[in-house]
Amino acid sequence: MDNLPMDAMLTQIWQMVSPYVGGAWAALQRIFAETPTPLLIGIVVGLLLARVLRGVLIVAGLAAVVFVAVRVFGIAVPGLG
């Protein structure tokens, strides 16, 4: 495959990948066609909650890093001791 021109290489890659892409697309279409609306709403709400949780964890992680840095370097910050 290293000696092939770019278009032949892309053709071979597409031939290897296309059955999986087509199958995944068909599965997604089946899910959205057969799934009741409350489940789809639950999936959307779950994705939104995951984003919120990720944001909270990032803020908590940054706060922990600042707290450790203050303790290690001995910087006097009011409220942190």
C-alpha atoms as a PDB file:
ATOM      1  CA  MET A   1       0.000   0.000   0.000  1.00  0.00           C
ATOM      2  CA  ASP A   2       3.018   2.303   0.424  1.00  0.00           C
ATOM      3  CA  ASN A   3       3.746   2.352  -3.327  1.00  0.00           C
ATOM      4  CA  LEU A   4       0.204   3.255  -4.416  1.00  0.00           C
ATOM      5  CA  PRO A   5      -0.762   6.693  -5.669  1.00  0.00           C
ATOM      6  CA  MET A   6      -3.012   8.684  -3.363  1.00  0.00           C
ATOM      7  CA  ASP A   7      -6.285   8.046  -5.237  1.00  0.00           C
ATOM      8  CA  ALA A   8      -5.715   4.275  -5.341  1.00  0.00           C
ATOM      9  CA  MET A   9      -4.824   4.260  -1.651  1.00  0.00           C
ATOM     10  CA  LEU A  10      -7.972   6.232  -0.778  1.00  0.00           C
ATOM     11  CA  THR A  11     -10.039   3.828  -2.889  1.00  0.00           C
ATOM     12  CA  GLN A  12      -8.652   0.832  -1.013  1.00  0.00           C
ATOM     13  CA  ILE A  13      -9.191   2.481   2.362  1.00  0.00           C
ATOM     14  CA  TRP A  14     -12.789   3.354   1.434  1.00  0.00           C
ATOM     15  CA  GLN A  15     -13.411  -0.238   0.307  1.00  0.00           C
ATOM     16  CA  MET A  16     -12.203  -1.485   3.690  1.00  0.00           C
ATOM     17  CA  VAL A  17     -14.133   1.061   5.769  1.00  0.00           C
ATOM     18  CA  SER A  18     -17.391   1.526   3.831  1.00  0.00           C
ATOM     19  CA  PRO A  19     -19.187  -1.633   5.068  1.00  0.00           C
ATOM     20  CA  TYR A  20     -18.723  -0.479   8.663  1.00  0.00           C
ATOM     21  CA  VAL A  21     -19.777   3.099   7.934  1.00  0.00           C
ATOM     22  CA  GLY A  22     -22.864   1.933   6.057  1.00  0.00           C
ATOM     23  CA  GLY A  23     -23.791  -0.510   8.820  1.00  0.00           C
ATOM     24  CA  ALA A  24     -23.378   2.116  11.521  1.00  0.00           C
ATOM     25  CA  TRP A  25     -25.464   4.616   9.553  1.00  0.00           C
ATOM     26  CA  ALA A  26     -28.223   2.047   9.043  1.00  0.00           C
ATOM     27  CA  ALA A  27     -28.179   1.212  12.763  1.00  0.00           C
ATOM     28  CA  LEU A  28     -28.489   4.894  13.693  1.00  0.00           C
ATOM     29  CA  GLN A  29     -31.406   5.330  11.312  1.00  0.00           C
ATOM     30  CA  ARG A  30     -33.116   2.256  12.803  1.00  0.00           C
ATOM     31  CA  ILE A  31     -32.618   3.557  16.347  1.00  0.00           C
ATOM     32  CA  PHE A  32     -34.104   6.967  15.539  1.00  0.00           C
ATOM     33  CA  ALA A  33     -36.984   5.406  13.593  1.00  0.00           C
ATOM     34  CA  GLU A  34     -37.945   2.887  16.300  1.00  0.00           C
ATOM     35  CA  THR A  35     -37.016   4.663  19.523  1.00  0.00           C
ATOM     36  CA  PRO A  36     -39.784   6.384  21.462  1.00  0.00           C
ATOM     37  CA  THR A  37     -39.426  10.123  22.038  1.00  0.00           C
ATOM     38  CA  PRO A  38     -38.912   9.916  25.845  1.00  0.00           C
ATOM     39  CA  LEU A  39     -35.783   7.828  25.348  1.00  0.00           C
ATOM     40  CA  LEU A  40     -34.376  10.347  22.883  1.00  0.00           C
ATOM     41  CA  ILE A  41     -35.149  13.156  25.333  1.00  0.00           C
ATOM     42  CA  GLY A  42     -33.387  11.153  28.055  1.00  0.00           C
ATOM     43  CA  ILE A  43     -30.326  10.744  25.855  1.00  0.00           C
ATOM     44  CA  VAL A  44     -30.197  14.497  25.163  1.00  0.00           C
ATOM     45  CA  VAL A  45     -30.636  15.343  28.858  1.00  0.00           C
ATOM     46  CA  GLY A  46     -27.936  12.816  29.746  1.00  0.00           C
ATOM     47  CA  LEU A  47     -25.525  14.400  27.286  1.00  0.00           C
ATOM     48  CA  LEU A  48     -26.233  17.855  28.722  1.00  0.00           C
ATOM     49  CA  LEU A  49     -25.701  16.592  32.278  1.00  0.00           C
ATOM     50  CA  ALA A  50     -22.423  15.010  31.196  1.00  0.00           C
ATOM     51  CA  ARG A  51     -21.237  18.395  29.908  1.00  0.00           C
ATOM     52  CA  VAL A  52     -22.215  20.106  33.155  1.00  0.00           C
ATOM     53  CA  LEU A  53     -20.486  17.416  35.213  1.00  0.00           C
ATOM     54  CA  ARG A  54     -17.359  17.738  33.086  1.00  0.00           C
ATOM     55  CA  GLY A  55     -17.316  21.491  33.709  1.00  0.00           C
ATOM     56  CA  VAL A  56     -17.739  20.994  37.453  1.00  0.00           C
ATOM     57  CA  LEU A  57     -14.915  18.454  37.523  1.00  0.00           C
ATOM     58  CA  ILE A  58     -12.610  20.785  35.586  1.00  0.00           C
ATOM     59  CA  VAL A  59     -13.303  23.655  38.001  1.00  0.00           C
ATOM     60  CA  ALA A  60     -12.792  21.368  41.014  1.00  0.00           C
ATOM     61  CA  GLY A  61      -9.535  20.089  39.531  1.00  0.00           C
ATOM     62  CA  LEU A  62      -8.244  23.608  38.957  1.00  0.00           C
ATOM     63  CA  ALA A  63      -9.212  24.563  42.510  1.00  0.00           C
ATOM     64  CA  ALA A  64      -7.325  21.536  43.836  1.00  0.00           C
ATOM     65  CA  VAL A  65      -4.232  22.448  41.815  1.00  0.00           C
ATOM     66  CA  VAL A  66      -4.343  26.037  43.111  1.00  0.00           C
ATOM     67  CA  PHE A  67      -4.816  24.799  46.682  1.00  0.00           C
ATOM     68  CA  VAL A  68      -1.815  22.458  46.429  1.00  0.00           C
ATOM     69  CA  ALA A  69       0.311  25.164  44.793  1.00  0.00           C
ATOM     70  CA  VAL A  70      -0.564  27.589  47.596  1.00  0.00           C
ATOM     71  CA  ARG A  71       0.367  24.983  50.205  1.00  0.00           C
ATOM     72  CA  VAL A  72       3.611  23.933  48.495  1.00  0.00           C
ATOM     73  CA  PHE A  73       4.920  27.424  47.753  1.00  0.00           C
ATOM     74  CA  GLY A  74       3.694  28.929  51.030  1.00  0.00           C
ATOM     75  CA  ILE A  75       1.788  31.792  49.467  1.00  0.00           C
ATOM     76  CA  ALA A  76      -0.474  33.531  51.968  1.00  0.00           C
ATOM     77  CA  VAL A  77      -3.976  33.660  50.537  1.00  0.00           C
ATOM     78  CA  PRO A  78      -6.825  34.912  52.741  1.00  0.00           C
ATOM     79  CA  GLY A  79      -9.260  32.091  53.379  1.00  0.00           C
ATOM     80  CA  LEU A  80      -6.867  29.281  52.465  1.00  0.00           C
ATOM     81  CA  GLY A  81      -4.742  29.502  55.602  1.00  0.00           C
END
